[in-house]
Amino acid sequence: MQNEMRTFGYLCPICGKPVMAARSLFALEASGVEVECECGGSVLRTEFDGQRCKIFVPCGLCGETHTAQCGIENLTREGGVAFGCAKTQEFCCFVGDEGNVEKHLRELEILAQKEKQNRENGGEQFLDSVIMYEILSELKEIAARENGIVCACGGHDYAMEIRRSAVDLICKSCGAKLRIPAATEDDLDDLCCHLRLTIPGEV
């Protein structure tokens, strides 16, 4: 278990490049880890107090450093874990297997570029209005199917919160949330692959 490797990934707020490095859980528990961008402008750091891991994340979306906390068991679970930027409500750091982290970082890089363009254009309501409207149209089609959108808790009623680059489906019974990214062509392609959607609620 302690020799298990986890890949840490974030987007450097200084040079804008994805930063990835694998570290062992032994190093994480023993002395903490550091993952530095090759430009020297940012460093992801961790601290472990014997129970919880504190992670200091340089954010490639808002430029600040965020602090997240979680148990070691969260870092080892299948699929990994993601930490969010409080300002943009988007994920800005990923920990897991190399393939998953690399995929998420590619998407984050596209998202950051769109955010930058959006700020330069005066900041529109949505990060990409065309993609958002296509996503909402696709969600409407899925919802129209029998049991098109349900929750794992058994609930069928849900609310929808529309953000700048995502749509949250929230179960009215248990409060569980399913986030549908709505910023890139890949987000739209991923959604179009689903005939039905299940909110991962409390079973």
N, C-alpha and C. Protein backbone atom coordinates (compact mmCIF):
# COMPACT_ATOMS: atom_id res chain seq x y z
N MET A 1 0.83 -1.21 0.00
CA MET A 1 0.00 0.00 0.00
C MET A 1 0.86 1.26 0.00
N GLN A 2 1.86 1.29 0.91
CA GLN A 2 2.67 2.49 1.03
C GLN A 2 3.55 2.72 -0.20
N ASN A 3 3.86 1.62 -0.93
CA ASN A 3 4.69 1.77 -2.13
C ASN A 3 3.86 2.14 -3.35
N GLU A 4 2.53 2.20 -3.17
CA GLU A 4 1.66 2.54 -4.29
C GLU A 4 1.95 3.96 -4.75
N MET A 5 1.97 4.14 -6.07
CA MET A 5 2.28 5.44 -6.65
C MET A 5 0.98 6.16 -7.04
N ARG A 6 0.97 7.45 -6.81
CA ARG A 6 -0.12 8.31 -7.23
C ARG A 6 0.44 9.45 -8.06
N THR A 7 -0.23 9.79 -9.14
CA THR A 7 0.20 10.90 -9.98
C THR A 7 -0.54 12.17 -9.57
N PHE A 8 0.22 13.23 -9.32
CA PHE A 8 -0.34 14.54 -8.98
C PHE A 8 -0.27 15.42 -10.22
N GLY A 9 -1.33 16.17 -10.48
CA GLY A 9 -1.32 17.04 -11.66
C GLY A 9 -2.04 18.34 -11.42
N TYR A 10 -1.47 19.42 -11.94
CA TYR A 10 -2.12 20.74 -11.87
C TYR A 10 -1.64 21.57 -13.05
N LEU A 11 -2.25 22.73 -13.24
CA LEU A 11 -1.87 23.64 -14.32
C LEU A 11 -1.10 24.81 -13.71
N CYS A 12 0.11 25.04 -14.18
CA CYS A 12 0.94 26.10 -13.61
C CYS A 12 0.32 27.47 -13.90
N PRO A 13 0.06 28.27 -12.87
CA PRO A 13 -0.53 29.60 -13.09
C PRO A 13 0.45 30.60 -13.68
N ILE A 14 1.75 30.27 -13.69
CA ILE A 14 2.76 31.19 -14.22
C ILE A 14 2.98 30.99 -15.72
N CYS A 15 3.27 29.73 -16.11
CA CYS A 15 3.55 29.49 -17.54
C CYS A 15 2.38 28.86 -18.28
N GLY A 16 1.37 28.38 -17.54
CA GLY A 16 0.18 27.81 -18.17
C GLY A 16 0.31 26.38 -18.62
N LYS A 17 1.45 25.72 -18.31
CA LYS A 17 1.65 24.34 -18.76
C LYS A 17 1.16 23.34 -17.72
N PRO A 18 0.70 22.14 -18.18
CA PRO A 18 0.32 21.08 -17.25
C PRO A 18 1.56 20.56 -16.51
N VAL A 19 1.42 20.27 -15.22
CA VAL A 19 2.51 19.75 -14.41
C VAL A 19 2.07 18.42 -13.82
N MET A 20 2.86 17.36 -14.06
CA MET A 20 2.51 16.03 -13.57
C MET A 20 3.73 15.36 -12.96
N ALA A 21 3.53 14.60 -11.88
CA ALA A 21 4.62 13.82 -11.30
C ALA A 21 4.02 12.73 -10.42
N ALA A 22 4.66 11.56 -10.42
CA ALA A 22 4.21 10.44 -9.60
C ALA A 22 4.99 10.42 -8.29
N ARG A 23 4.30 10.18 -7.20
CA ARG A 23 4.92 10.10 -5.88
C ARG A 23 4.33 8.90 -5.14
N SER A 24 5.12 8.31 -4.23
CA SER A 24 4.65 7.16 -3.47
C SER A 24 3.87 7.61 -2.24
N LEU A 25 2.96 6.77 -1.78
CA LEU A 25 2.20 7.07 -0.57
C LEU A 25 3.12 7.09 0.64
N PHE A 26 4.21 6.30 0.56
CA PHE A 26 5.19 6.31 1.65
C PHE A 26 5.80 7.70 1.82
N ALA A 27 6.19 8.31 0.69
CA ALA A 27 6.76 9.66 0.73
C ALA A 27 5.72 10.66 1.23
N LEU A 28 4.48 10.46 0.80
CA LEU A 28 3.40 11.36 1.20
C LEU A 28 3.22 11.35 2.72
N GLU A 29 3.25 10.14 3.31
CA GLU A 29 3.04 10.01 4.75
C GLU A 29 4.29 10.38 5.55
N ALA A 30 5.46 10.11 4.98
CA ALA A 30 6.71 10.31 5.73
C ALA A 30 7.12 11.78 5.82
N SER A 31 7.14 12.44 4.69
CA SER A 31 7.68 13.81 4.72
C SER A 31 6.91 14.78 3.83
N GLY A 32 5.83 14.31 3.21
CA GLY A 32 5.12 15.17 2.27
C GLY A 32 5.81 15.17 0.93
N VAL A 33 5.14 15.65 -0.10
CA VAL A 33 5.72 15.68 -1.43
C VAL A 33 5.67 17.09 -1.99
N GLU A 34 6.54 17.32 -2.97
CA GLU A 34 6.54 18.57 -3.72
C GLU A 34 6.55 18.24 -5.20
N VAL A 35 5.72 18.91 -5.96
CA VAL A 35 5.68 18.75 -7.41
C VAL A 35 5.86 20.14 -8.01
N GLU A 36 7.03 20.38 -8.60
CA GLU A 36 7.37 21.72 -9.07
C GLU A 36 7.30 21.81 -10.58
N CYS A 37 6.79 22.92 -11.09
CA CYS A 37 6.78 23.15 -12.53
C CYS A 37 8.21 23.40 -13.00
N GLU A 38 8.51 22.96 -14.20
CA GLU A 38 9.88 23.14 -14.72
C GLU A 38 10.23 24.61 -14.93
N CYS A 39 9.22 25.48 -14.97
CA CYS A 39 9.51 26.91 -15.12
C CYS A 39 9.97 27.52 -13.80
N GLY A 40 9.77 26.77 -12.70
CA GLY A 40 10.19 27.26 -11.39
C GLY A 40 9.23 28.23 -10.75
N GLY A 41 8.10 28.48 -11.40
CA GLY A 41 7.17 29.50 -10.92
C GLY A 41 6.12 29.01 -9.94
N SER A 42 5.94 27.69 -9.83
CA SER A 42 4.90 27.17 -8.93
C SER A 42 5.28 25.80 -8.39
N VAL A 43 4.77 25.49 -7.20
CA VAL A 43 5.03 24.19 -6.56
C VAL A 43 3.77 23.71 -5.84
N LEU A 44 3.37 22.48 -6.12
CA LEU A 44 2.32 21.84 -5.35
C LEU A 44 2.98 21.15 -4.16
N ARG A 45 2.46 21.37 -2.95
CA ARG A 45 3.04 20.77 -1.75
C ARG A 45 1.98 20.03 -0.94
N THR A 46 2.44 19.02 -0.20
CA THR A 46 1.52 18.32 0.71
C THR A 46 2.12 18.25 2.11
N GLU A 47 1.24 18.19 3.10
CA GLU A 47 1.63 17.97 4.49
C GLU A 47 0.72 16.89 5.05
N PHE A 48 1.27 16.01 5.91
CA PHE A 48 0.48 14.93 6.50
C PHE A 48 0.63 14.98 8.01
N ASP A 49 -0.52 15.03 8.72
CA ASP A 49 -0.46 15.15 10.18
C ASP A 49 -0.69 13.83 10.91
N GLY A 50 -0.64 12.74 10.15
CA GLY A 50 -0.87 11.43 10.75
C GLY A 50 -2.27 10.91 10.48
N GLN A 51 -3.17 11.82 10.13
CA GLN A 51 -4.54 11.41 9.81
C GLN A 51 -5.02 11.95 8.47
N ARG A 52 -4.78 13.23 8.26
CA ARG A 52 -5.25 13.86 7.03
C ARG A 52 -4.12 14.49 6.25
N CYS A 53 -4.31 14.52 4.93
CA CYS A 53 -3.31 15.11 4.04
C CYS A 53 -3.79 16.50 3.63
N LYS A 54 -2.93 17.49 3.80
CA LYS A 54 -3.25 18.85 3.38
C LYS A 54 -2.48 19.13 2.09
N ILE A 55 -3.17 19.60 1.07
CA ILE A 55 -2.54 19.83 -0.24
C ILE A 55 -2.66 21.31 -0.60
N PHE A 56 -1.51 21.91 -0.94
CA PHE A 56 -1.46 23.32 -1.35
C PHE A 56 -1.34 23.34 -2.88
N VAL A 57 -2.40 23.81 -3.54
CA VAL A 57 -2.50 23.70 -5.00
C VAL A 57 -2.37 25.05 -5.69
N PRO A 58 -1.33 25.26 -6.51
CA PRO A 58 -1.28 26.46 -7.35
C PRO A 58 -2.38 26.34 -8.41
N CYS A 59 -3.21 27.34 -8.55
CA CYS A 59 -4.37 27.24 -9.45
C CYS A 59 -4.12 27.93 -10.79
N GLY A 60 -4.20 27.15 -11.85
CA GLY A 60 -4.00 27.68 -13.20
C GLY A 60 -5.20 28.43 -13.74
N LEU A 61 -6.31 28.46 -12.98
CA LEU A 61 -7.52 29.16 -13.42
C LEU A 61 -7.62 30.56 -12.84
N CYS A 62 -7.38 30.69 -11.52
CA CYS A 62 -7.52 32.02 -10.91
C CYS A 62 -6.18 32.61 -10.47
N GLY A 63 -5.11 31.80 -10.48
CA GLY A 63 -3.78 32.30 -10.14
C GLY A 63 -3.43 32.23 -8.66
N GLU A 64 -4.41 31.88 -7.81
CA GLU A 64 -4.15 31.81 -6.38
C GLU A 64 -3.70 30.40 -5.98
N THR A 65 -3.34 30.22 -4.70
CA THR A 65 -3.02 28.90 -4.17
C THR A 65 -4.15 28.45 -3.26
N HIS A 66 -4.73 27.29 -3.56
CA HIS A 66 -5.84 26.76 -2.77
C HIS A 66 -5.33 25.68 -1.80
N THR A 67 -6.02 25.52 -0.70
CA THR A 67 -5.68 24.49 0.27
C THR A 67 -6.82 23.49 0.35
N ALA A 68 -6.49 22.20 0.19
CA ALA A 68 -7.50 21.14 0.27
C ALA A 68 -7.04 20.10 1.28
N GLN A 69 -8.00 19.43 1.91
CA GLN A 69 -7.67 18.38 2.87
C GLN A 69 -8.46 17.13 2.56
N CYS A 70 -7.82 15.97 2.75
CA CYS A 70 -8.52 14.70 2.56
C CYS A 70 -7.74 13.59 3.25
N GLY A 71 -8.38 12.45 3.45
CA GLY A 71 -7.70 11.30 4.03
C GLY A 71 -6.88 10.58 2.97
N ILE A 72 -5.88 9.83 3.41
CA ILE A 72 -5.05 9.07 2.48
C ILE A 72 -5.90 8.12 1.64
N GLU A 73 -6.97 7.57 2.26
CA GLU A 73 -7.82 6.61 1.54
C GLU A 73 -8.48 7.26 0.33
N ASN A 74 -8.75 8.58 0.38
CA ASN A 74 -9.33 9.27 -0.77
C ASN A 74 -8.37 9.31 -1.95
N LEU A 75 -7.08 9.43 -1.65
CA LEU A 75 -6.08 9.50 -2.71
C LEU A 75 -5.86 8.16 -3.39
N THR A 76 -6.25 7.07 -2.72
CA THR A 76 -6.00 5.73 -3.27
C THR A 76 -7.21 5.15 -3.98
N ARG A 77 -8.37 5.80 -3.88
CA ARG A 77 -9.55 5.18 -4.45
C ARG A 77 -9.50 5.18 -5.97
N GLU A 78 -10.19 4.22 -6.55
CA GLU A 78 -10.19 4.05 -8.01
C GLU A 78 -10.77 5.28 -8.68
N GLY A 79 -10.11 5.73 -9.74
CA GLY A 79 -10.56 6.93 -10.44
C GLY A 79 -9.91 8.19 -9.91
N GLY A 80 -9.33 8.10 -8.69
CA GLY A 80 -8.61 9.24 -8.14
C GLY A 80 -9.54 10.27 -7.51
N VAL A 81 -9.00 11.46 -7.30
CA VAL A 81 -9.75 12.53 -6.64
C VAL A 81 -9.38 13.86 -7.29
N ALA A 82 -10.31 14.81 -7.27
CA ALA A 82 -10.06 16.13 -7.86
C ALA A 82 -10.36 17.20 -6.83
N PHE A 83 -9.61 18.30 -6.90
CA PHE A 83 -9.81 19.42 -5.99
C PHE A 83 -10.18 20.65 -6.80
N GLY A 84 -11.07 21.48 -6.25
CA GLY A 84 -11.63 22.57 -7.03
C GLY A 84 -11.12 23.95 -6.67
N CYS A 85 -11.33 24.87 -7.62
CA CYS A 85 -11.03 26.28 -7.44
C CYS A 85 -12.31 26.95 -6.93
N ALA A 86 -12.22 27.58 -5.76
CA ALA A 86 -13.40 28.20 -5.15
C ALA A 86 -13.95 29.35 -6.00
N LYS A 87 -13.09 30.03 -6.72
CA LYS A 87 -13.52 31.19 -7.51
C LYS A 87 -14.28 30.80 -8.77
N THR A 88 -13.76 29.79 -9.49
CA THR A 88 -14.36 29.42 -10.77
C THR A 88 -15.31 28.22 -10.66
N GLN A 89 -15.29 27.54 -9.50
CA GLN A 89 -16.09 26.33 -9.30
C GLN A 89 -15.68 25.21 -10.26
N GLU A 90 -14.44 25.23 -10.70
CA GLU A 90 -13.92 24.19 -11.59
C GLU A 90 -12.81 23.42 -10.88
N PHE A 91 -12.57 22.18 -11.31
CA PHE A 91 -11.48 21.40 -10.74
C PHE A 91 -10.15 21.93 -11.25
N CYS A 92 -9.16 22.05 -10.35
CA CYS A 92 -7.87 22.61 -10.76
C CYS A 92 -6.69 21.70 -10.41
N CYS A 93 -6.96 20.56 -9.73
CA CYS A 93 -5.89 19.64 -9.34
C CYS A 93 -6.45 18.23 -9.34
N PHE A 94 -5.64 17.29 -9.81
CA PHE A 94 -6.09 15.90 -9.90
C PHE A 94 -5.03 14.98 -9.31
N VAL A 95 -5.49 13.93 -8.59
CA VAL A 95 -4.59 12.92 -8.03
C VAL A 95 -5.18 11.56 -8.36
N GLY A 96 -4.38 10.69 -9.00
CA GLY A 96 -4.89 9.37 -9.37
C GLY A 96 -3.89 8.63 -10.24
N ASP A 97 -4.41 7.77 -11.11
CA ASP A 97 -3.50 7.08 -12.03
C ASP A 97 -3.12 8.03 -13.17
N GLU A 98 -1.97 7.77 -13.76
CA GLU A 98 -1.38 8.69 -14.74
C GLU A 98 -2.31 9.00 -15.91
N GLY A 99 -2.97 7.98 -16.45
CA GLY A 99 -3.84 8.18 -17.61
C GLY A 99 -4.99 9.12 -17.33
N ASN A 100 -5.64 8.93 -16.18
CA ASN A 100 -6.77 9.79 -15.81
C ASN A 100 -6.33 11.22 -15.57
N VAL A 101 -5.23 11.38 -14.85
CA VAL A 101 -4.73 12.73 -14.54
C VAL A 101 -4.35 13.46 -15.83
N GLU A 102 -3.68 12.75 -16.73
CA GLU A 102 -3.27 13.36 -18.01
C GLU A 102 -4.48 13.83 -18.81
N LYS A 103 -5.54 13.00 -18.85
CA LYS A 103 -6.76 13.35 -19.58
C LYS A 103 -7.40 14.61 -18.99
N HIS A 104 -7.52 14.64 -17.66
CA HIS A 104 -8.14 15.79 -17.00
C HIS A 104 -7.33 17.06 -17.19
N LEU A 105 -6.00 16.93 -17.20
CA LEU A 105 -5.15 18.11 -17.38
C LEU A 105 -5.27 18.68 -18.79
N ARG A 106 -5.44 17.81 -19.78
CA ARG A 106 -5.65 18.30 -21.16
C ARG A 106 -6.93 19.12 -21.22
N GLU A 107 -7.99 18.63 -20.57
CA GLU A 107 -9.26 19.36 -20.56
C GLU A 107 -9.12 20.67 -19.78
N LEU A 108 -8.36 20.63 -18.68
CA LEU A 108 -8.15 21.83 -17.87
C LEU A 108 -7.39 22.89 -18.65
N GLU A 109 -6.43 22.46 -19.46
CA GLU A 109 -5.64 23.40 -20.27
C GLU A 109 -6.54 24.13 -21.27
N ILE A 110 -7.47 23.39 -21.91
CA ILE A 110 -8.41 24.00 -22.85
C ILE A 110 -9.33 24.98 -22.11
N LEU A 111 -9.79 24.56 -20.92
CA LEU A 111 -10.67 25.39 -20.11
C LEU A 111 -9.99 26.70 -19.72
N ALA A 112 -8.72 26.62 -19.31
CA ALA A 112 -7.97 27.80 -18.90
C ALA A 112 -7.78 28.77 -20.07
N GLN A 113 -7.53 28.22 -21.27
CA GLN A 113 -7.37 29.06 -22.45
C GLN A 113 -8.67 29.79 -22.78
N LYS A 114 -9.79 29.07 -22.65
CA LYS A 114 -11.09 29.69 -22.91
C LYS A 114 -11.41 30.76 -21.87
N GLU A 115 -11.05 30.49 -20.61
CA GLU A 115 -11.26 31.47 -19.54
C GLU A 115 -10.50 32.76 -19.87
N LYS A 116 -9.26 32.61 -20.32
CA LYS A 116 -8.43 33.76 -20.65
C LYS A 116 -9.04 34.56 -21.79
N GLN A 117 -9.46 33.86 -22.85
CA GLN A 117 -10.09 34.53 -23.99
C GLN A 117 -11.37 35.23 -23.56
N ASN A 118 -12.13 34.57 -22.68
CA ASN A 118 -13.38 35.12 -22.21
C ASN A 118 -13.16 36.42 -21.44
N ARG A 119 -12.12 36.44 -20.59
CA ARG A 119 -11.80 37.66 -19.84
C ARG A 119 -11.40 38.79 -20.78
N GLU A 120 -10.64 38.43 -21.83
CA GLU A 120 -10.19 39.44 -22.80
C GLU A 120 -11.35 40.00 -23.61
N ASN A 121 -12.42 39.19 -23.75
CA ASN A 121 -13.59 39.62 -24.51
C ASN A 121 -14.65 40.26 -23.63
N GLY A 122 -14.29 40.56 -22.39
CA GLY A 122 -15.23 41.24 -21.50
C GLY A 122 -16.05 40.34 -20.61
N GLY A 123 -15.85 39.02 -20.69
CA GLY A 123 -16.51 38.07 -19.80
C GLY A 123 -17.98 37.87 -20.12
N GLU A 124 -18.29 36.83 -20.91
CA GLU A 124 -19.66 36.52 -21.25
C GLU A 124 -20.28 35.63 -20.16
N GLN A 125 -21.59 35.41 -20.25
CA GLN A 125 -22.29 34.62 -19.24
C GLN A 125 -21.76 33.19 -19.17
N PHE A 126 -21.53 32.59 -20.37
CA PHE A 126 -21.03 31.22 -20.43
C PHE A 126 -19.64 31.22 -21.05
N LEU A 127 -18.84 30.22 -20.68
CA LEU A 127 -17.50 30.11 -21.22
C LEU A 127 -17.56 29.91 -22.73
N ASP A 128 -18.49 29.08 -23.19
CA ASP A 128 -18.73 28.87 -24.62
C ASP A 128 -20.24 28.73 -24.80
N SER A 129 -20.89 29.78 -25.24
CA SER A 129 -22.35 29.80 -25.32
C SER A 129 -22.90 28.73 -26.25
N VAL A 130 -22.24 28.50 -27.37
CA VAL A 130 -22.71 27.50 -28.33
C VAL A 130 -22.71 26.11 -27.69
N ILE A 131 -21.59 25.75 -27.04
CA ILE A 131 -21.50 24.45 -26.39
C ILE A 131 -22.54 24.33 -25.28
N MET A 132 -22.71 25.38 -24.48
CA MET A 132 -23.68 25.34 -23.38
C MET A 132 -25.09 25.09 -23.90
N TYR A 133 -25.50 25.78 -24.95
CA TYR A 133 -26.85 25.59 -25.48
C TYR A 133 -27.02 24.19 -26.08
N GLU A 134 -25.97 23.66 -26.68
CA GLU A 134 -26.03 22.29 -27.22
C GLU A 134 -26.15 21.28 -26.08
N ILE A 135 -25.41 21.52 -25.00
CA ILE A 135 -25.47 20.64 -23.82
C ILE A 135 -26.88 20.65 -23.23
N LEU A 136 -27.46 21.84 -23.07
CA LEU A 136 -28.80 21.97 -22.51
C LEU A 136 -29.85 21.28 -23.40
N SER A 137 -29.66 21.39 -24.71
CA SER A 137 -30.57 20.74 -25.66
C SER A 137 -30.47 19.22 -25.53
N GLU A 138 -29.24 18.72 -25.40
CA GLU A 138 -29.02 17.28 -25.27
C GLU A 138 -29.60 16.77 -23.95
N LEU A 139 -29.44 17.54 -22.87
CA LEU A 139 -30.00 17.16 -21.57
C LEU A 139 -31.53 17.10 -21.64
N LYS A 140 -32.12 18.01 -22.39
CA LYS A 140 -33.58 18.03 -22.55
C LYS A 140 -34.05 16.75 -23.24
N GLU A 141 -33.28 16.31 -24.25
CA GLU A 141 -33.63 15.08 -24.97
C GLU A 141 -33.49 13.86 -24.06
N ILE A 142 -32.42 13.82 -23.27
CA ILE A 142 -32.21 12.69 -22.36
C ILE A 142 -33.34 12.64 -21.32
N ALA A 143 -33.70 13.81 -20.78
CA ALA A 143 -34.74 13.89 -19.75
C ALA A 143 -36.10 13.44 -20.28
N ALA A 144 -36.33 13.61 -21.58
CA ALA A 144 -37.61 13.25 -22.17
C ALA A 144 -37.79 11.74 -22.30
N ARG A 145 -36.68 10.97 -22.22
CA ARG A 145 -36.78 9.52 -22.31
C ARG A 145 -37.28 8.95 -20.97
N GLU A 146 -37.88 7.78 -21.04
CA GLU A 146 -38.35 7.13 -19.81
C GLU A 146 -37.16 6.82 -18.91
N ASN A 147 -37.21 7.29 -17.66
CA ASN A 147 -36.09 7.14 -16.71
C ASN A 147 -34.79 7.69 -17.30
N GLY A 148 -34.91 8.77 -18.04
CA GLY A 148 -33.73 9.36 -18.69
C GLY A 148 -32.72 9.92 -17.70
N ILE A 149 -33.23 10.60 -16.66
CA ILE A 149 -32.37 11.13 -15.61
C ILE A 149 -32.94 10.69 -14.26
N VAL A 150 -32.19 9.84 -13.57
CA VAL A 150 -32.62 9.34 -12.26
C VAL A 150 -31.45 9.42 -11.29
N CYS A 151 -31.75 9.18 -10.01
CA CYS A 151 -30.70 9.16 -8.99
C CYS A 151 -30.54 7.74 -8.47
N ALA A 152 -29.34 7.40 -8.06
CA ALA A 152 -29.06 6.06 -7.53
C ALA A 152 -29.84 5.79 -6.25
N CYS A 153 -30.33 6.85 -5.58
CA CYS A 153 -31.11 6.67 -4.35
C CYS A 153 -32.54 6.24 -4.67
N GLY A 154 -32.90 6.27 -5.95
CA GLY A 154 -34.25 5.91 -6.37
C GLY A 154 -35.12 7.10 -6.73
N GLY A 155 -34.60 8.30 -6.47
CA GLY A 155 -35.35 9.51 -6.77
C GLY A 155 -35.40 9.82 -8.26
N HIS A 156 -36.51 10.44 -8.69
CA HIS A 156 -36.68 10.81 -10.09
C HIS A 156 -36.78 12.32 -10.28
N ASP A 157 -36.93 13.06 -9.19
CA ASP A 157 -37.03 14.52 -9.27
C ASP A 157 -35.66 15.15 -9.04
N TYR A 158 -35.33 16.11 -9.86
CA TYR A 158 -34.02 16.75 -9.75
C TYR A 158 -34.13 18.23 -10.11
N ALA A 159 -33.17 18.98 -9.63
CA ALA A 159 -33.05 20.40 -9.99
C ALA A 159 -31.83 20.56 -10.88
N MET A 160 -31.80 21.65 -11.60
CA MET A 160 -30.67 21.91 -12.50
C MET A 160 -30.08 23.28 -12.21
N GLU A 161 -28.77 23.31 -11.97
CA GLU A 161 -28.07 24.58 -11.77
C GLU A 161 -27.10 24.78 -12.94
N ILE A 162 -27.25 25.90 -13.64
CA ILE A 162 -26.42 26.18 -14.81
C ILE A 162 -25.29 27.12 -14.40
N ARG A 163 -24.05 26.67 -14.59
CA ARG A 163 -22.88 27.48 -14.25
C ARG A 163 -22.23 27.98 -15.54
N ARG A 164 -21.10 28.65 -15.40
CA ARG A 164 -20.43 29.22 -16.59
C ARG A 164 -19.94 28.14 -17.55
N SER A 165 -19.48 27.01 -17.00
CA SER A 165 -18.92 25.98 -17.88
C SER A 165 -19.36 24.58 -17.49
N ALA A 166 -20.49 24.48 -16.80
CA ALA A 166 -21.00 23.17 -16.39
C ALA A 166 -22.47 23.29 -16.02
N VAL A 167 -23.14 22.14 -16.01
CA VAL A 167 -24.52 22.05 -15.54
C VAL A 167 -24.56 21.02 -14.42
N ASP A 168 -25.10 21.39 -13.27
CA ASP A 168 -25.22 20.47 -12.14
C ASP A 168 -26.65 19.94 -12.08
N LEU A 169 -26.77 18.60 -12.05
CA LEU A 169 -28.06 17.95 -11.82
C LEU A 169 -28.09 17.54 -10.35
N ILE A 170 -29.08 18.01 -9.59
CA ILE A 170 -29.11 17.80 -8.15
C ILE A 170 -30.40 17.05 -7.76
N CYS A 171 -30.23 15.90 -7.16
CA CYS A 171 -31.37 15.08 -6.74
C CYS A 171 -32.14 15.80 -5.64
N LYS A 172 -33.46 15.93 -5.80
CA LYS A 172 -34.29 16.60 -4.80
C LYS A 172 -34.54 15.74 -3.58
N SER A 173 -34.30 14.43 -3.72
CA SER A 173 -34.54 13.52 -2.60
C SER A 173 -33.36 13.46 -1.63
N CYS A 174 -32.12 13.26 -2.18
CA CYS A 174 -30.97 13.08 -1.29
C CYS A 174 -29.93 14.19 -1.40
N GLY A 175 -30.08 15.09 -2.39
CA GLY A 175 -29.15 16.20 -2.53
C GLY A 175 -27.88 15.89 -3.29
N ALA A 176 -27.76 14.65 -3.78
CA ALA A 176 -26.55 14.28 -4.55
C ALA A 176 -26.48 15.08 -5.84
N LYS A 177 -25.24 15.23 -6.33
CA LYS A 177 -25.03 16.09 -7.49
C LYS A 177 -24.26 15.36 -8.59
N LEU A 178 -24.65 15.59 -9.82
CA LEU A 178 -23.90 15.11 -10.99
C LEU A 178 -23.54 16.32 -11.83
N ARG A 179 -22.23 16.55 -12.00
CA ARG A 179 -21.79 17.71 -12.79
C ARG A 179 -21.55 17.30 -14.24
N ILE A 180 -22.17 18.03 -15.14
CA ILE A 180 -22.00 17.81 -16.59
C ILE A 180 -21.14 18.95 -17.13
N PRO A 181 -19.88 18.70 -17.48
CA PRO A 181 -19.04 19.77 -18.04
C PRO A 181 -19.65 20.30 -19.33
N ALA A 182 -19.54 21.61 -19.55
CA ALA A 182 -20.17 22.22 -20.73
C ALA A 182 -19.29 23.34 -21.28
N ALA A 183 -18.04 22.98 -21.63
CA ALA A 183 -17.11 24.01 -22.09
C ALA A 183 -16.43 23.68 -23.41
N THR A 184 -16.34 22.38 -23.76
CA THR A 184 -15.59 22.00 -24.95
C THR A 184 -16.40 21.03 -25.83
N GLU A 185 -15.91 20.83 -27.04
CA GLU A 185 -16.53 19.86 -27.96
C GLU A 185 -16.49 18.46 -27.35
N ASP A 186 -15.41 18.13 -26.63
CA ASP A 186 -15.29 16.82 -25.99
C ASP A 186 -16.39 16.63 -24.95
N ASP A 187 -16.72 17.72 -24.23
CA ASP A 187 -17.80 17.64 -23.24
C ASP A 187 -19.12 17.26 -23.92
N LEU A 188 -19.37 17.88 -25.06
CA LEU A 188 -20.60 17.61 -25.80
C LEU A 188 -20.60 16.18 -26.33
N ASP A 189 -19.46 15.74 -26.88
CA ASP A 189 -19.35 14.37 -27.40
C ASP A 189 -19.59 13.35 -26.30
N ASP A 190 -19.01 13.62 -25.11
CA ASP A 190 -19.18 12.69 -23.98
C ASP A 190 -20.64 12.56 -23.59
N LEU A 191 -21.35 13.69 -23.55
CA LEU A 191 -22.76 13.66 -23.16
C LEU A 191 -23.61 12.94 -24.20
N CYS A 192 -23.29 13.14 -25.47
CA CYS A 192 -24.06 12.52 -26.55
C CYS A 192 -23.95 10.99 -26.55
N CYS A 193 -22.94 10.47 -25.85
CA CYS A 193 -22.76 9.02 -25.75
C CYS A 193 -23.73 8.39 -24.75
N HIS A 194 -24.42 9.22 -23.96
CA HIS A 194 -25.30 8.71 -22.91
C HIS A 194 -26.77 8.76 -23.33
N LEU A 195 -27.43 7.62 -23.26
CA LEU A 195 -28.88 7.59 -23.48
C LEU A 195 -29.60 7.98 -22.20
N ARG A 196 -28.98 7.67 -21.05
CA ARG A 196 -29.54 7.99 -19.74
C ARG A 196 -28.44 8.47 -18.82
N LEU A 197 -28.83 9.20 -17.77
CA LEU A 197 -27.88 9.69 -16.79
C LEU A 197 -28.33 9.30 -15.38
N THR A 198 -27.37 8.89 -14.56
CA THR A 198 -27.69 8.51 -13.18
C THR A 198 -26.88 9.39 -12.23
N ILE A 199 -27.58 10.12 -11.37
CA ILE A 199 -26.92 10.93 -10.33
C ILE A 199 -26.43 9.96 -9.26
N PRO A 200 -25.14 10.05 -8.87
CA PRO A 200 -24.58 9.06 -7.92
C PRO A 200 -25.00 9.34 -6.50
N GLY A 201 -26.27 9.08 -6.18
CA GLY A 201 -26.79 9.39 -4.85
C GLY A 201 -26.54 8.30 -3.83
N GLU A 202 -27.12 8.50 -2.65
CA GLU A 202 -27.00 7.52 -1.58
C GLU A 202 -27.97 6.37 -1.88
N VAL A 203 -27.40 5.16 -2.03
CA VAL A 203 -28.24 4.00 -2.35
C VAL A 203 -28.92 3.50 -1.09
